[in-house]
């Protein structure tokens, strides 16, 4: 996945570490990077999750490391695509498998009466569908 930079060159998609307040390392954030002018920008689909996470951390967070793919389905799927065991799988197959996995989790959460877990799973599913609709 690529996009055109303001300098006119190609920006490539990468999973990078975002450092917040020099204390919090947020791993696996999808970022577009331009190697020519060294400009970087967070992928638009994940900005709401990233800004929400940063808001929860507050202005004086404790030193910690977080994994963005545990919050963002887009980051999760991009990380999954890079795994060796999925090298021959299409993105469509990986997305389909993840949707099925999340639907199974939602059924389990509902059968256990765990509404917070079911709601979290709904949010993760909506991240995938929102990204699919806008791309």
Protein backbone atom coordinates (compact mmCIF):
# COMPACT_ATOMS: atom_id res chain seq x y z
CA UNK A 1 0.00 0.00 0.00
CA UNK A 2 1.33 3.36 -1.01
CA UNK A 3 0.33 6.98 -1.39
CA UNK A 4 1.91 10.08 -2.89
CA UNK A 5 3.84 12.37 -0.56
CA UNK A 6 3.58 16.16 -0.65
CA UNK A 7 7.09 16.15 -2.19
CA UNK A 8 5.71 14.10 -5.10
CA UNK A 9 7.45 10.82 -4.23
CA UNK A 10 5.90 7.58 -3.07
CA UNK A 11 5.17 6.97 0.60
CA UNK A 12 5.31 3.33 1.67
CA UNK A 13 3.24 1.73 4.39
CA UNK A 14 5.17 0.45 7.39
CA UNK A 15 4.45 -0.66 10.92
CA UNK A 16 6.43 1.64 13.18
CA UNK A 17 6.84 2.58 16.81
CA UNK A 18 5.23 5.86 17.89
CA UNK A 19 6.77 7.34 21.01
CA UNK A 20 4.45 9.44 23.15
CA UNK A 21 5.85 11.89 25.72
CA UNK A 22 9.23 10.10 25.56
CA UNK A 23 7.72 7.48 27.88
CA UNK A 24 5.27 5.32 25.94
CA UNK A 25 6.35 3.14 23.03
CA UNK A 26 3.33 2.27 20.91
CA UNK A 27 4.46 -0.60 18.67
CA UNK A 28 3.03 -1.59 15.25
CA UNK A 29 1.34 1.67 14.27
CA UNK A 30 0.60 1.81 10.51
CA UNK A 31 2.52 4.80 9.14
CA UNK A 32 3.13 6.09 5.62
CA UNK A 33 6.81 7.07 5.24
CA UNK A 34 8.60 8.96 2.49
CA UNK A 35 12.25 8.00 2.19
CA UNK A 36 13.00 11.09 0.08
CA UNK A 37 11.87 13.90 2.39
CA UNK A 38 11.59 11.73 5.57
CA UNK A 39 7.95 12.76 6.08
CA UNK A 40 5.70 10.37 7.99
CA UNK A 41 1.99 10.27 8.67
CA UNK A 42 -0.32 7.94 10.51
CA UNK A 43 -2.70 5.99 8.25
CA UNK A 44 -6.07 7.77 8.35
CA UNK A 45 -8.05 4.61 9.22
CA UNK A 46 -6.21 4.18 12.52
CA UNK A 47 -6.03 7.81 13.67
CA UNK A 48 -9.21 7.55 15.81
CA UNK A 49 -7.86 4.54 17.72
CA UNK A 50 -4.42 6.15 18.14
CA UNK A 51 -5.78 9.49 19.34
CA UNK A 52 -8.17 7.67 21.68
CA UNK A 53 -5.29 5.66 23.13
CA UNK A 54 -3.17 8.77 23.62
CA UNK A 55 -6.10 10.55 25.29
CA UNK A 56 -6.46 7.64 27.74
CA UNK A 57 -2.74 7.85 28.56
CA UNK A 58 -3.08 11.48 29.60
CA UNK A 59 -0.42 14.16 29.62
CA UNK A 60 1.82 12.44 32.18
CA UNK A 61 1.86 8.74 31.34
CA UNK A 62 4.02 6.17 33.08
CA UNK A 63 6.83 4.50 31.14
CA UNK A 64 5.37 1.56 29.22
CA UNK A 65 5.20 -0.34 25.97
CA UNK A 66 1.89 -0.90 24.17
CA UNK A 67 1.04 -2.95 21.12
CA UNK A 68 -1.25 -1.07 18.75
CA UNK A 69 -2.31 -4.24 16.93
CA UNK A 70 -4.10 -5.23 20.16
CA UNK A 71 -6.29 -2.11 19.76
CA UNK A 72 -6.58 -1.62 16.01
CA UNK A 73 -7.87 -4.31 13.65
CA UNK A 74 -6.20 -2.56 10.72
CA UNK A 75 -2.83 -2.83 12.49
CA UNK A 76 -3.62 -6.42 13.47
CA UNK A 77 -4.35 -7.39 9.86
CA UNK A 78 -1.26 -5.61 8.52
CA UNK A 79 0.89 -7.39 11.08
CA UNK A 80 -0.76 -10.71 10.18
CA UNK A 81 0.07 -10.20 6.48
CA UNK A 82 3.77 -9.91 7.36
CA UNK A 83 3.90 -13.23 9.23
CA UNK A 84 5.76 -16.02 7.44
CA UNK A 85 2.93 -18.53 7.72
CA UNK A 86 0.64 -16.15 5.79
CA UNK A 87 3.10 -15.24 3.04
CA UNK A 88 1.07 -17.11 0.40
CA UNK A 89 -2.37 -16.06 1.68
CA UNK A 90 -4.29 -13.26 -0.02
CA UNK A 91 -5.32 -10.23 2.00
CA UNK A 92 -8.94 -11.20 1.33
CA UNK A 93 -8.41 -14.62 2.93
CA UNK A 94 -6.69 -13.10 5.96
CA UNK A 95 -9.52 -10.59 6.41
CA UNK A 96 -12.19 -13.28 5.94
CA UNK A 97 -10.48 -15.56 8.48
CA UNK A 98 -10.26 -12.70 11.00
CA UNK A 99 -13.92 -11.76 10.55
CA UNK A 100 -14.92 -15.40 11.13
CA UNK A 101 -12.69 -15.54 14.21
CA UNK A 102 -14.26 -12.36 15.62
CA UNK A 103 -17.79 -13.64 14.89
CA UNK A 104 -16.97 -16.85 16.80
CA UNK A 105 -15.64 -14.75 19.69
CA UNK A 106 -18.82 -12.65 19.68
CA UNK A 107 -21.00 -15.77 19.81
CA UNK A 108 -18.96 -17.07 22.74
CA UNK A 109 -19.14 -13.75 24.57
CA UNK A 110 -22.91 -13.56 24.04
CA UNK A 111 -23.44 -17.16 25.16
CA UNK A 112 -21.51 -16.36 28.35
CA UNK A 113 -23.50 -13.18 28.87
CA UNK A 114 -20.29 -11.12 28.77
CA UNK A 115 -21.62 -7.90 27.24
CA UNK A 116 -18.37 -5.88 27.59
CA UNK A 117 -16.47 -8.58 25.67
CA UNK A 118 -19.22 -8.76 23.02
CA UNK A 119 -19.18 -4.96 22.64
CA UNK A 120 -15.37 -4.91 22.29
CA UNK A 121 -15.68 -7.57 19.58
CA UNK A 122 -18.37 -5.52 17.78
CA UNK A 123 -16.02 -2.52 17.80
CA UNK A 124 -13.22 -4.63 16.31
CA UNK A 125 -15.55 -5.90 13.57
CA UNK A 126 -16.67 -2.36 12.80
CA UNK A 127 -13.03 -1.28 12.41
CA UNK A 128 -12.65 -3.85 9.65
CA UNK A 129 -15.91 -2.95 7.91
CA UNK A 130 -15.26 0.81 8.13
CA UNK A 131 -11.83 0.33 6.56
CA UNK A 132 -13.27 -1.89 3.83
CA UNK A 133 -16.03 0.61 3.02
CA UNK A 134 -13.65 3.57 2.76
CA UNK A 135 -10.97 1.82 0.64
